């Protein structure tokens, strides 16, 4: 599969793939870039990167996660820790957003009450 086709299929910019390559996450893609045709292993790794990116993980964290995944050792605990940390950070942001929404709702309620 060609790089353009991959990017179109996944709905991502080519620049993101090159960022993964620069960070050393997709070294196998770098080798194939001359031919512009990628094998299943490269596509699967890209798929994992895109999935993690869509969850909001930064490239540094994606690199750490992927390298753990590629390790010959059992790294599930470390990968779970990465995902739980990210989940907790997102949950904290949800709570902050909820507080903001509650404040907006309160002000809206007061404004509506003042109109009556």
PDB file of N, CA and C in Angstrom:
ATOM      1  N   UNK A   1       0.852  -1.177   0.000  1.00  0.00           N
ATOM      2  CA  UNK A   1       0.000   0.000   0.000  1.00  0.00           C
ATOM      3  C   UNK A   1       0.895   1.236   0.000  1.00  0.00           C
ATOM      4  N   UNK A   2       0.520   2.239  -0.732  1.00  0.00           N
ATOM      5  CA  UNK A   2       1.310   3.462  -0.833  1.00  0.00           C
ATOM      6  C   UNK A   2       0.996   4.408   0.328  1.00  0.00           C
ATOM      7  N   UNK A   3       1.954   5.293   0.626  1.00  0.00           N
ATOM      8  CA  UNK A   3       1.809   6.220   1.741  1.00  0.00           C
ATOM      9  C   UNK A   3       0.574   7.099   1.588  1.00  0.00           C
ATOM     10  N   UNK A   4       0.362   7.623   0.402  1.00  0.00           N
ATOM     11  CA  UNK A   4      -0.831   8.458   0.164  1.00  0.00           C
ATOM     12  C   UNK A   4      -2.110   7.685   0.446  1.00  0.00           C
ATOM     13  N   UNK A   5      -2.155   6.428   0.007  1.00  0.00           N
ATOM     14  CA  UNK A   5      -3.338   5.588   0.239  1.00  0.00           C
ATOM     15  C   UNK A   5      -3.544   5.342   1.729  1.00  0.00           C
ATOM     16  N   UNK A   6      -2.435   5.077   2.441  1.00  0.00           N
ATOM     17  CA  UNK A   6      -2.521   4.867   3.890  1.00  0.00           C
ATOM     18  C   UNK A   6      -3.099   6.093   4.582  1.00  0.00           C
ATOM     19  N   UNK A   7      -2.551   7.248   4.239  1.00  0.00           N
ATOM     20  CA  UNK A   7      -2.998   8.491   4.871  1.00  0.00           C
ATOM     21  C   UNK A   7      -4.464   8.770   4.553  1.00  0.00           C
ATOM     22  N   UNK A   8      -4.845   8.524   3.325  1.00  0.00           N
ATOM     23  CA  UNK A   8      -6.240   8.736   2.935  1.00  0.00           C
ATOM     24  C   UNK A   8      -7.152   7.761   3.679  1.00  0.00           C
ATOM     25  N   UNK A   9      -6.731   6.499   3.753  1.00  0.00           N
ATOM     26  CA  UNK A   9      -7.526   5.473   4.433  1.00  0.00           C
ATOM     27  C   UNK A   9      -7.730   5.810   5.908  1.00  0.00           C
ATOM     28  N   UNK A  10      -6.671   6.307   6.551  1.00  0.00           N
ATOM     29  CA  UNK A  10      -6.742   6.615   7.973  1.00  0.00           C
ATOM     30  C   UNK A  10      -7.190   8.047   8.256  1.00  0.00           C
ATOM     31  N   UNK A  11      -7.262   8.856   7.219  1.00  0.00           N
ATOM     32  CA  UNK A  11      -7.682  10.240   7.407  1.00  0.00           C
ATOM     33  C   UNK A  11      -6.678  11.066   8.190  1.00  0.00           C
ATOM     34  N   UNK A  12      -5.404  10.852   7.905  1.00  0.00           N
ATOM     35  CA  UNK A  12      -4.348  11.575   8.613  1.00  0.00           C
ATOM     36  C   UNK A  12      -3.449  12.286   7.609  1.00  0.00           C
ATOM     37  N   UNK A  13      -2.802  13.362   8.050  1.00  0.00           N
ATOM     38  CA  UNK A  13      -1.869  14.048   7.154  1.00  0.00           C
ATOM     39  C   UNK A  13      -0.554  13.266   7.029  1.00  0.00           C
ATOM     40  N   UNK A  14       0.062  13.361   5.880  1.00  0.00           N
ATOM     41  CA  UNK A  14       1.357  12.704   5.654  1.00  0.00           C
ATOM     42  C   UNK A  14       2.382  13.209   6.663  1.00  0.00           C
ATOM     43  N   UNK A  15       2.263  14.471   7.057  1.00  0.00           N
ATOM     44  CA  UNK A  15       3.208  15.055   8.014  1.00  0.00           C
ATOM     45  C   UNK A  15       3.235  14.278   9.328  1.00  0.00           C
ATOM     46  N   UNK A  16       2.097  13.745   9.745  1.00  0.00           N
ATOM     47  CA  UNK A  16       2.047  12.964  10.984  1.00  0.00           C
ATOM     48  C   UNK A  16       2.862  11.680  10.837  1.00  0.00           C
ATOM     49  N   UNK A  17       2.759  11.029   9.698  1.00  0.00           N
ATOM     50  CA  UNK A  17       3.537   9.810   9.453  1.00  0.00           C
ATOM     51  C   UNK A  17       5.028  10.138   9.483  1.00  0.00           C
ATOM     52  N   UNK A  18       5.410  11.239   8.849  1.00  0.00           N
ATOM     53  CA  UNK A  18       6.817  11.639   8.861  1.00  0.00           C
ATOM     54  C   UNK A  18       7.290  11.976  10.274  1.00  0.00           C
ATOM     55  N   UNK A  19       6.400  12.512  11.098  1.00  0.00           N
ATOM     56  CA  UNK A  19       6.757  12.788  12.491  1.00  0.00           C
ATOM     57  C   UNK A  19       7.043  11.473  13.224  1.00  0.00           C
ATOM     58  N   UNK A  20       6.210  10.472  13.007  1.00  0.00           N
ATOM     59  CA  UNK A  20       6.452   9.154  13.607  1.00  0.00           C
ATOM     60  C   UNK A  20       7.786   8.576  13.116  1.00  0.00           C
ATOM     61  N   UNK A  21       8.081   8.768  11.838  1.00  0.00           N
ATOM     62  CA  UNK A  21       9.341   8.271  11.273  1.00  0.00           C
ATOM     63  C   UNK A  21      10.525   8.997  11.910  1.00  0.00           C
ATOM     64  N   UNK A  22      10.443  10.340  12.004  1.00  0.00           N
ATOM     65  CA  UNK A  22      11.530  11.130  12.604  1.00  0.00           C
ATOM     66  C   UNK A  22      11.798  10.717  14.043  1.00  0.00           C
ATOM     67  N   UNK A  23      10.742  10.368  14.765  1.00  0.00           N
ATOM     68  CA  UNK A  23      10.890   9.971  16.168  1.00  0.00           C
ATOM     69  C   UNK A  23      11.415   8.540  16.313  1.00  0.00           C
ATOM     70  N   UNK A  24      11.571   7.834  15.204  1.00  0.00           N
ATOM     71  CA  UNK A  24      12.104   6.481  15.250  1.00  0.00           C
ATOM     72  C   UNK A  24      11.060   5.421  15.546  1.00  0.00           C
ATOM     73  N   UNK A  25       9.794   5.817  15.553  1.00  0.00           N
ATOM     74  CA  UNK A  25       8.716   4.877  15.857  1.00  0.00           C
ATOM     75  C   UNK A  25       8.455   3.967  14.665  1.00  0.00           C
ATOM     76  N   UNK A  26       8.600   4.509  13.485  1.00  0.00           N
ATOM     77  CA  UNK A  26       8.290   3.763  12.262  1.00  0.00           C
ATOM     78  C   UNK A  26       9.527   3.643  11.376  1.00  0.00           C
ATOM     79  N   UNK A  27      10.609   3.146  11.949  1.00  0.00           N
ATOM     80  CA  UNK A  27      11.845   3.004  11.167  1.00  0.00           C
ATOM     81  C   UNK A  27      11.655   2.120   9.946  1.00  0.00           C
ATOM     82  N   UNK A  28      10.781   1.118  10.072  1.00  0.00           N
ATOM     83  CA  UNK A  28      10.555   0.233   8.931  1.00  0.00           C
ATOM     84  C   UNK A  28       9.875   0.971   7.780  1.00  0.00           C
ATOM     85  N   UNK A  29       9.109   2.008   8.090  1.00  0.00           N
ATOM     86  CA  UNK A  29       8.513   2.820   7.022  1.00  0.00           C
ATOM     87  C   UNK A  29       9.580   3.654   6.336  1.00  0.00           C
ATOM     88  N   UNK A  30      10.530   4.129   7.123  1.00  0.00           N
ATOM     89  CA  UNK A  30      11.606   4.952   6.573  1.00  0.00           C
ATOM     90  C   UNK A  30      12.369   4.180   5.493  1.00  0.00           C
ATOM     91  N   UNK A  31      12.627   2.922   5.752  1.00  0.00           N
ATOM     92  CA  UNK A  31      13.358   2.099   4.787  1.00  0.00           C
ATOM     93  C   UNK A  31      12.548   1.885   3.513  1.00  0.00           C
ATOM     94  N   UNK A  32      11.236   1.798   3.661  1.00  0.00           N
ATOM     95  CA  UNK A  32      10.369   1.518   2.516  1.00  0.00           C
ATOM     96  C   UNK A  32       9.935   2.769   1.760  1.00  0.00           C
ATOM     97  N   UNK A  33      10.259   3.939   2.288  1.00  0.00           N
ATOM     98  CA  UNK A  33       9.712   5.175   1.727  1.00  0.00           C
ATOM     99  C   UNK A  33      10.165   5.399   0.283  1.00  0.00           C
ATOM    100  N   UNK A  34      11.336   4.878  -0.067  1.00  0.00           N
ATOM    101  CA  UNK A  34      11.817   5.018  -1.451  1.00  0.00           C
ATOM    102  C   UNK A  34      10.888   4.288  -2.413  1.00  0.00           C
ATOM    103  N   UNK A  35      10.473   3.103  -2.002  1.00  0.00           N
ATOM    104  CA  UNK A  35       9.590   2.306  -2.854  1.00  0.00           C
ATOM    105  C   UNK A  35       8.148   2.775  -2.770  1.00  0.00           C
ATOM    106  N   UNK A  36       7.813   3.482  -1.672  1.00  0.00           N
ATOM    107  CA  UNK A  36       6.458   3.990  -1.455  1.00  0.00           C
ATOM    108  C   UNK A  36       5.429   2.851  -1.396  1.00  0.00           C
ATOM    109  N   UNK A  37       5.884   1.684  -0.945  1.00  0.00           N
ATOM    110  CA  UNK A  37       4.983   0.548  -0.755  1.00  0.00           C
ATOM    111  C   UNK A  37       5.304  -0.047   0.608  1.00  0.00           C
ATOM    112  N   UNK A  38       4.278  -0.326   1.391  1.00  0.00           N
ATOM    113  CA  UNK A  38       4.489  -0.751   2.769  1.00  0.00           C
ATOM    114  C   UNK A  38       3.859  -2.102   3.036  1.00  0.00           C
ATOM    115  N   UNK A  39       4.584  -2.930   3.795  1.00  0.00           N
ATOM    116  CA  UNK A  39       4.109  -4.261   4.137  1.00  0.00           C
ATOM    117  C   UNK A  39       3.140  -4.242   5.302  1.00  0.00           C
ATOM    118  N   UNK A  40       2.611  -5.413   5.615  1.00  0.00           N
ATOM    119  CA  UNK A  40       1.612  -5.542   6.680  1.00  0.00           C
ATOM    120  C   UNK A  40       2.128  -5.108   8.045  1.00  0.00           C
ATOM    121  N   UNK A  41       3.381  -5.464   8.366  1.00  0.00           N
ATOM    122  CA  UNK A  41       3.931  -5.108   9.672  1.00  0.00           C
ATOM    123  C   UNK A  41       4.011  -3.591   9.832  1.00  0.00           C
ATOM    124  N   UNK A  42       4.478  -2.909   8.804  1.00  0.00           N
ATOM    125  CA  UNK A  42       4.567  -1.449   8.847  1.00  0.00           C
ATOM    126  C   UNK A  42       3.181  -0.832   8.972  1.00  0.00           C
ATOM    127  N   UNK A  43       2.228  -1.383   8.241  1.00  0.00           N
ATOM    128  CA  UNK A  43       0.855  -0.860   8.291  1.00  0.00           C
ATOM    129  C   UNK A  43       0.248  -1.090   9.672  1.00  0.00           C
ATOM    130  N   UNK A  44       0.513  -2.251  10.269  1.00  0.00           N
ATOM    131  CA  UNK A  44      -0.009  -2.533  11.613  1.00  0.00           C
ATOM    132  C   UNK A  44       0.588  -1.585  12.645  1.00  0.00           C
ATOM    133  N   UNK A  45       1.886  -1.300  12.534  1.00  0.00           N
ATOM    134  CA  UNK A  45       2.531  -0.380  13.467  1.00  0.00           C
ATOM    135  C   UNK A  45       1.956   1.017  13.301  1.00  0.00           C
ATOM    136  N   UNK A  46       1.764   1.436  12.050  1.00  0.00           N
ATOM    137  CA  UNK A  46       1.156   2.738  11.786  1.00  0.00           C
ATOM    138  C   UNK A  46      -0.252   2.779  12.362  1.00  0.00           C
ATOM    139  N   UNK A  47      -0.986   1.701  12.215  1.00  0.00           N
ATOM    140  CA  UNK A  47      -2.338   1.607  12.757  1.00  0.00           C
ATOM    141  C   UNK A  47      -2.327   1.814  14.274  1.00  0.00           C
ATOM    142  N   UNK A  48      -1.381   1.180  14.959  1.00  0.00           N
ATOM    143  CA  UNK A  48      -1.259   1.351  16.411  1.00  0.00           C
ATOM    144  C   UNK A  48      -0.947   2.802  16.762  1.00  0.00           C
ATOM    145  N   UNK A  49      -0.033   3.406  16.011  1.00  0.00           N
ATOM    146  CA  UNK A  49       0.335   4.810  16.260  1.00  0.00           C
ATOM    147  C   UNK A  49      -0.863   5.730  16.079  1.00  0.00           C
ATOM    148  N   UNK A  50      -1.619   5.503  15.027  1.00  0.00           N
ATOM    149  CA  UNK A  50      -2.778   6.346  14.746  1.00  0.00           C
ATOM    150  C   UNK A  50      -3.837   6.169  15.823  1.00  0.00           C
ATOM    151  N   UNK A  51      -4.036   4.933  16.254  1.00  0.00           N
ATOM    152  CA  UNK A  51      -4.999   4.660  17.322  1.00  0.00           C
ATOM    153  C   UNK A  51      -4.607   5.416  18.590  1.00  0.00           C
ATOM    154  N   UNK A  52      -3.352   5.315  18.981  1.00  0.00           N
ATOM    155  CA  UNK A  52      -2.876   6.003  20.184  1.00  0.00           C
ATOM    156  C   UNK A  52      -2.955   7.520  20.013  1.00  0.00           C
ATOM    157  N   UNK A  53      -2.633   8.001  18.820  1.00  0.00           N
ATOM    158  CA  UNK A  53      -2.716   9.436  18.538  1.00  0.00           C
ATOM    159  C   UNK A  53      -4.160   9.920  18.637  1.00  0.00           C
ATOM    160  N   UNK A  54      -5.087   9.117  18.141  1.00  0.00           N
ATOM    161  CA  UNK A  54      -6.504   9.509  18.195  1.00  0.00           C
ATOM    162  C   UNK A  54      -7.028   9.541  19.628  1.00  0.00           C
ATOM    163  N   UNK A  55      -6.357   8.815  20.527  1.00  0.00           N
ATOM    164  CA  UNK A  55      -6.725   8.862  21.946  1.00  0.00           C
ATOM    165  C   UNK A  55      -6.188  10.118  22.620  1.00  0.00           C
ATOM    166  N   UNK A  56      -5.336  10.846  21.903  1.00  0.00           N
ATOM    167  CA  UNK A  56      -4.800  12.084  22.448  1.00  0.00           C
ATOM    168  C   UNK A  56      -3.406  11.960  23.028  1.00  0.00           C
ATOM    169  N   UNK A  57      -2.771  10.814  22.832  1.00  0.00           N
ATOM    170  CA  UNK A  57      -1.410  10.658  23.336  1.00  0.00           C
ATOM    171  C   UNK A  57      -0.446  11.462  22.473  1.00  0.00           C
ATOM    172  N   UNK A  58       0.557  12.070  23.115  1.00  0.00           N
ATOM    173  CA  UNK A  58       1.560  12.806  22.353  1.00  0.00           C
ATOM    174  C   UNK A  58       2.562  11.820  21.738  1.00  0.00           C
ATOM    175  N   UNK A  59       3.343  12.305  20.807  1.00  0.00           N
ATOM    176  CA  UNK A  59       4.256  11.442  20.052  1.00  0.00           C
ATOM    177  C   UNK A  59       5.285  10.786  20.973  1.00  0.00           C
ATOM    178  N   UNK A  60       5.768  11.522  21.970  1.00  0.00           N
ATOM    179  CA  UNK A  60       6.750  10.970  22.913  1.00  0.00           C
ATOM    180  C   UNK A  60       6.163   9.765  23.651  1.00  0.00           C
ATOM    181  N   UNK A  61       4.919   9.882  24.095  1.00  0.00           N
ATOM    182  CA  UNK A  61       4.260   8.794  24.816  1.00  0.00           C
ATOM    183  C   UNK A  61       3.946   7.636  23.877  1.00  0.00           C
ATOM    184  N   UNK A  62       3.560   7.957  22.649  1.00  0.00           N
ATOM    185  CA  UNK A  62       3.304   6.909  21.655  1.00  0.00           C
ATOM    186  C   UNK A  62       4.584   6.105  21.418  1.00  0.00           C
ATOM    187  N   UNK A  63       5.702   6.805  21.298  1.00  0.00           N
ATOM    188  CA  UNK A  63       6.987   6.130  21.086  1.00  0.00           C
ATOM    189  C   UNK A  63       7.286   5.183  22.243  1.00  0.00           C
ATOM    190  N   UNK A  64       7.112   5.665  23.453  1.00  0.00           N
ATOM    191  CA  UNK A  64       7.358   4.835  24.637  1.00  0.00           C
ATOM    192  C   UNK A  64       6.458   3.599  24.616  1.00  0.00           C
ATOM    193  N   UNK A  65       5.182   3.803  24.321  1.00  0.00           N
ATOM    194  CA  UNK A  65       4.210   2.709  24.300  1.00  0.00           C
ATOM    195  C   UNK A  65       4.572   1.676  23.224  1.00  0.00           C
ATOM    196  N   UNK A  66       4.870   2.147  22.022  1.00  0.00           N
ATOM    197  CA  UNK A  66       5.190   1.247  20.906  1.00  0.00           C
ATOM    198  C   UNK A  66       6.460   0.455  21.199  1.00  0.00           C
ATOM    199  N   UNK A  67       7.480   1.113  21.756  1.00  0.00           N
ATOM    200  CA  UNK A  67       8.715   0.393  22.065  1.00  0.00           C
ATOM    201  C   UNK A  67       8.474  -0.666  23.138  1.00  0.00           C
ATOM    202  N   UNK A  68       7.609  -0.356  24.104  1.00  0.00           N
ATOM    203  CA  UNK A  68       7.237  -1.368  25.097  1.00  0.00           C
ATOM    204  C   UNK A  68       6.523  -2.536  24.420  1.00  0.00           C
ATOM    205  N   UNK A  69       5.625  -2.209  23.504  1.00  0.00           N
ATOM    206  CA  UNK A  69       4.857  -3.227  22.791  1.00  0.00           C
ATOM    207  C   UNK A  69       5.770  -4.152  21.978  1.00  0.00           C
ATOM    208  N   UNK A  70       6.842  -3.599  21.443  1.00  0.00           N
ATOM    209  CA  UNK A  70       7.766  -4.372  20.613  1.00  0.00           C
ATOM    210  C   UNK A  70       8.784  -5.172  21.427  1.00  0.00           C
ATOM    211  N   UNK A  71       8.843  -4.902  22.710  1.00  0.00           N
ATOM    212  CA  UNK A  71       9.813  -5.570  23.570  1.00  0.00           C
ATOM    213  C   UNK A  71       9.555  -7.073  23.637  1.00  0.00           C
ATOM    214  N   UNK A  72      10.628  -7.818  23.832  1.00  0.00           N
ATOM    215  CA  UNK A  72      10.499  -9.265  23.997  1.00  0.00           C
ATOM    216  C   UNK A  72       9.979  -9.625  25.388  1.00  0.00           C
ATOM    217  N   UNK A  73      10.027  -8.663  26.301  1.00  0.00           N
ATOM    218  CA  UNK A  73       9.559  -8.898  27.667  1.00  0.00           C
ATOM    219  C   UNK A  73       8.059  -8.633  27.761  1.00  0.00           C
ATOM    220  N   UNK A  74       7.486  -9.049  28.883  1.00  0.00           N
ATOM    221  CA  UNK A  74       6.066  -8.777  29.141  1.00  0.00           C
ATOM    222  C   UNK A  74       5.955  -7.350  29.679  1.00  0.00           C
ATOM    223  N   UNK A  75       5.449  -6.458  28.863  1.00  0.00           N
ATOM    224  CA  UNK A  75       5.372  -5.037  29.228  1.00  0.00           C
ATOM    225  C   UNK A  75       3.927  -4.569  29.403  1.00  0.00           C
ATOM    226  N   UNK A  76       3.018  -5.513  29.553  1.00  0.00           N
ATOM    227  CA  UNK A  76       1.604  -5.127  29.669  1.00  0.00           C
ATOM    228  C   UNK A  76       1.363  -4.189  30.843  1.00  0.00           C
ATOM    229  N   UNK A  77       2.007  -4.444  31.983  1.00  0.00           N
ATOM    230  CA  UNK A  77       1.813  -3.582  33.160  1.00  0.00           C
ATOM    231  C   UNK A  77       2.244  -2.150  32.870  1.00  0.00           C
ATOM    232  N   UNK A  78       3.376  -2.001  32.202  1.00  0.00           N
ATOM    233  CA  UNK A  78       3.873  -0.660  31.871  1.00  0.00           C
ATOM    234  C   UNK A  78       2.942   0.031  30.884  1.00  0.00           C
ATOM    235  N   UNK A  79       2.419  -0.719  29.914  1.00  0.00           N
ATOM    236  CA  UNK A  79       1.500  -0.127  28.938  1.00  0.00           C
ATOM    237  C   UNK A  79       0.169   0.235  29.591  1.00  0.00           C
ATOM    238  N   UNK A  80      -0.289  -0.610  30.506  1.00  0.00           N
ATOM    239  CA  UNK A  80      -1.515  -0.297  31.255  1.00  0.00           C
ATOM    240  C   UNK A  80      -1.312   0.979  32.054  1.00  0.00           C
ATOM    241  N   UNK A  81      -0.144   1.129  32.655  1.00  0.00           N
ATOM    242  CA  UNK A  81       0.165   2.333  33.442  1.00  0.00           C
ATOM    243  C   UNK A  81       0.094   3.590  32.567  1.00  0.00           C
ATOM    244  N   UNK A  82       0.635   3.513  31.365  1.00  0.00           N
ATOM    245  CA  UNK A  82       0.593   4.650  30.435  1.00  0.00           C
ATOM    246  C   UNK A  82      -0.854   5.009  30.110  1.00  0.00           C
ATOM    247  N   UNK A  83      -1.649   3.999  29.774  1.00  0.00           N
ATOM    248  CA  UNK A  83      -3.041   4.252  29.389  1.00  0.00           C
ATOM    249  C   UNK A  83      -3.875   4.742  30.571  1.00  0.00           C
ATOM    250  N   UNK A  84      -3.640   4.193  31.751  1.00  0.00           N
ATOM    251  CA  UNK A  84      -4.385   4.657  32.939  1.00  0.00           C
ATOM    252  C   UNK A  84      -4.034   6.101  33.281  1.00  0.00           C
ATOM    253  N   UNK A  85      -2.756   6.440  33.161  1.00  0.00           N
ATOM    254  CA  UNK A  85      -2.341   7.824  33.423  1.00  0.00           C
ATOM    255  C   UNK A  85      -3.055   8.769  32.460  1.00  0.00           C
ATOM    256  N   UNK A  86      -3.086   8.392  31.199  1.00  0.00           N
ATOM    257  CA  UNK A  86      -3.754   9.233  30.195  1.00  0.00           C
ATOM    258  C   UNK A  86      -5.256   9.322  30.478  1.00  0.00           C
ATOM    259  N   UNK A  87      -5.843   8.202  30.878  1.00  0.00           N
ATOM    260  CA  UNK A  87      -7.265   8.177  31.219  1.00  0.00           C
ATOM    261  C   UNK A  87      -7.546   9.105  32.400  1.00  0.00           C
ATOM    262  N   UNK A  88      -6.705   9.037  33.421  1.00  0.00           N
ATOM    263  CA  UNK A  88      -6.884   9.887  34.602  1.00  0.00           C
ATOM    264  C   UNK A  88      -6.762  11.365  34.249  1.00  0.00           C
ATOM    265  N   UNK A  89      -5.799  11.690  33.386  1.00  0.00           N
ATOM    266  CA  UNK A  89      -5.643  13.079  32.946  1.00  0.00           C
ATOM    267  C   UNK A  89      -6.887  13.550  32.203  1.00  0.00           C
ATOM    268  N   UNK A  90      -7.429  12.695  31.360  1.00  0.00           N
ATOM    269  CA  UNK A  90      -8.644  13.051  30.628  1.00  0.00           C
ATOM    270  C   UNK A  90      -9.834  13.196  31.557  1.00  0.00           C
ATOM    271  N   UNK A  91      -9.924  12.324  32.547  1.00  0.00           N
ATOM    272  CA  UNK A  91     -11.016  12.411  33.512  1.00  0.00           C
ATOM    273  C   UNK A  91     -10.933  13.723  34.290  1.00  0.00           C
ATOM    274  N   UNK A  92      -9.728  14.119  34.655  1.00  0.00           N
ATOM    275  CA  UNK A  92      -9.532  15.396  35.342  1.00  0.00           C
ATOM    276  C   UNK A  92     -10.012  16.551  34.461  1.00  0.00           C
ATOM    277  N   UNK A  93      -9.688  16.498  33.181  1.00  0.00           N
ATOM    278  CA  UNK A  93     -10.137  17.537  32.246  1.00  0.00           C
ATOM    279  C   UNK A  93     -11.654  17.551  32.113  1.00  0.00           C
ATOM    280  N   UNK A  94     -12.260  16.371  32.140  1.00  0.00           N
ATOM    281  CA  UNK A  94     -13.723  16.289  32.085  1.00  0.00           C
ATOM    282  C   UNK A  94     -14.324  16.988  33.299  1.00  0.00           C
ATOM    283  N   UNK A  95     -13.739  16.752  34.467  1.00  0.00           N
ATOM    284  CA  UNK A  95     -14.248  17.392  35.683  1.00  0.00           C
ATOM    285  C   UNK A  95     -14.096  18.913  35.614  1.00  0.00           C
ATOM    286  N   UNK A  96     -12.967  19.371  35.094  1.00  0.00           N
ATOM    287  CA  UNK A  96     -12.763  20.818  34.941  1.00  0.00           C
ATOM    288  C   UNK A  96     -13.788  21.400  33.973  1.00  0.00           C
ATOM    289  N   UNK A  97     -14.010  20.710  32.868  1.00  0.00           N
ATOM    290  CA  UNK A  97     -14.997  21.167  31.889  1.00  0.00           C
ATOM    291  C   UNK A  97     -16.388  21.181  32.499  1.00  0.00           C
ATOM    292  N   UNK A  98     -16.697  20.181  33.305  1.00  0.00           N
ATOM    293  CA  UNK A  98     -18.007  20.112  33.976  1.00  0.00           C
ATOM    294  C   UNK A  98     -18.197  21.316  34.891  1.00  0.00           C
ATOM    295  N   UNK A  99     -17.166  21.703  35.619  1.00  0.00           N
ATOM    296  CA  UNK A  99     -17.252  22.883  36.491  1.00  0.00           C
ATOM    297  C   UNK A  99     -17.537  24.141  35.668  1.00  0.00           C
ATOM    298  N   UNK A 100     -16.846  24.276  34.553  1.00  0.00           N
ATOM    299  CA  UNK A 100     -17.069  25.429  33.678  1.00  0.00           C
ATOM    300  C   UNK A 100     -18.502  25.429  33.170  1.00  0.00           C
ATOM    301  N   UNK A 101     -18.980  24.277  32.731  1.00  0.00           N
ATOM    302  CA  UNK A 101     -20.358  24.167  32.230  1.00  0.00           C
ATOM    303  C   UNK A 101     -21.367  24.513  33.323  1.00  0.00           C
ATOM    304  N   UNK A 102     -21.109  24.063  34.540  1.00  0.00           N
ATOM    305  CA  UNK A 102     -21.999  24.387  35.657  1.00  0.00           C
ATOM    306  C   UNK A 102     -22.042  25.892  35.913  1.00  0.00           C
ATOM    307  N   UNK A 103     -20.892  26.545  35.835  1.00  0.00           N
ATOM    308  CA  UNK A 103     -20.845  28.001  36.023  1.00  0.00           C
ATOM    309  C   UNK A 103     -21.615  28.720  34.917  1.00  0.00           C
ATOM    310  N   UNK A 104     -21.428  28.279  33.695  1.00  0.00           N
ATOM    311  CA  UNK A 104     -22.155  28.882  32.572  1.00  0.00           C
ATOM    312  C   UNK A 104     -23.651  28.695  32.760  1.00  0.00           C
ATOM    313  N   UNK A 105     -24.063  27.490  33.132  1.00  0.00           N
ATOM    314  CA  UNK A 105     -25.486  27.217  33.361  1.00  0.00           C
ATOM    315  C   UNK A 105     -26.053  28.097  34.466  1.00  0.00           C
ATOM    316  N   UNK A 106     -25.275  28.310  35.516  1.00  0.00           N
ATOM    317  CA  UNK A 106     -25.716  29.158  36.623  1.00  0.00           C
ATOM    318  C   UNK A 106     -25.923  30.599  36.154  1.00  0.00           C
ATOM    319  N   UNK A 107     -24.966  31.118  35.399  1.00  0.00           N
ATOM    320  CA  UNK A 107     -25.081  32.488  34.886  1.00  0.00           C
ATOM    321  C   UNK A 107     -26.265  32.592  33.927  1.00  0.00           C
ATOM    322  N   UNK A 108     -26.442  31.609  33.064  1.00  0.00           N
ATOM    323  CA  UNK A 108     -27.591  31.607  32.154  1.00  0.00           C
ATOM    324  C   UNK A 108     -28.903  31.602  32.929  1.00  0.00           C
ATOM    325  N   UNK A 109     -28.967  30.807  33.965  1.00  0.00           N
ATOM    326  CA  UNK A 109     -30.175  30.735  34.788  1.00  0.00           C
ATOM    327  C   UNK A 109     -30.469  32.093  35.437  1.00  0.00           C
ATOM    328  N   UNK A 110     -29.412  32.730  35.953  1.00  0.00           N
ATOM    329  CA  UNK A 110     -29.583  34.046  36.569  1.00  0.00           C
ATOM    330  C   UNK A 110     -30.050  35.073  35.544  1.00  0.00           C
ATOM    331  N   UNK A 111     -29.472  35.038  34.357  1.00  0.00           N
ATOM    332  CA  UNK A 111     -29.868  35.980  33.312  1.00  0.00           C
ATOM    333  C   UNK A 111     -31.327  35.782  32.914  1.00  0.00           C
ATOM    334  N   UNK A 112     -31.738  34.542  32.788  1.00  0.00           N
ATOM    335  CA  UNK A 112     -33.133  34.258  32.443  1.00  0.00           C
ATOM    336  C   UNK A 112     -34.069  34.710  33.554  1.00  0.00           C
ATOM    337  N   UNK A 113     -33.653  34.514  34.794  1.00  0.00           N
ATOM    338  CA  UNK A 113     -34.483  34.929  35.935  1.00  0.00           C
ATOM    339  C   UNK A 113     -34.634  36.440  35.977  1.00  0.00           C
ATOM    340  N   UNK A 114     -33.551  37.157  35.633  1.00  0.00           N
ATOM    341  CA  UNK A 114     -33.588  38.620  35.627  1.00  0.00           C
ATOM    342  C   UNK A 114     -34.518  39.157  34.547  1.00  0.00           C
ATOM    343  N   UNK A 115     -34.720  38.382  33.486  1.00  0.00           N
ATOM    344  CA  UNK A 115     -35.583  38.820  32.391  1.00  0.00           C
ATOM    345  C   UNK A 115     -37.059  38.732  32.774  1.00  0.00           C
ATOM    346  N   UNK A 116     -37.388  37.906  33.742  1.00  0.00           N
ATOM    347  CA  UNK A 116     -38.798  37.717  34.131  1.00  0.00           C
ATOM    348  C   UNK A 116     -39.215  38.694  35.150  1.00  0.00           C
TER     349      UNK A 116
END
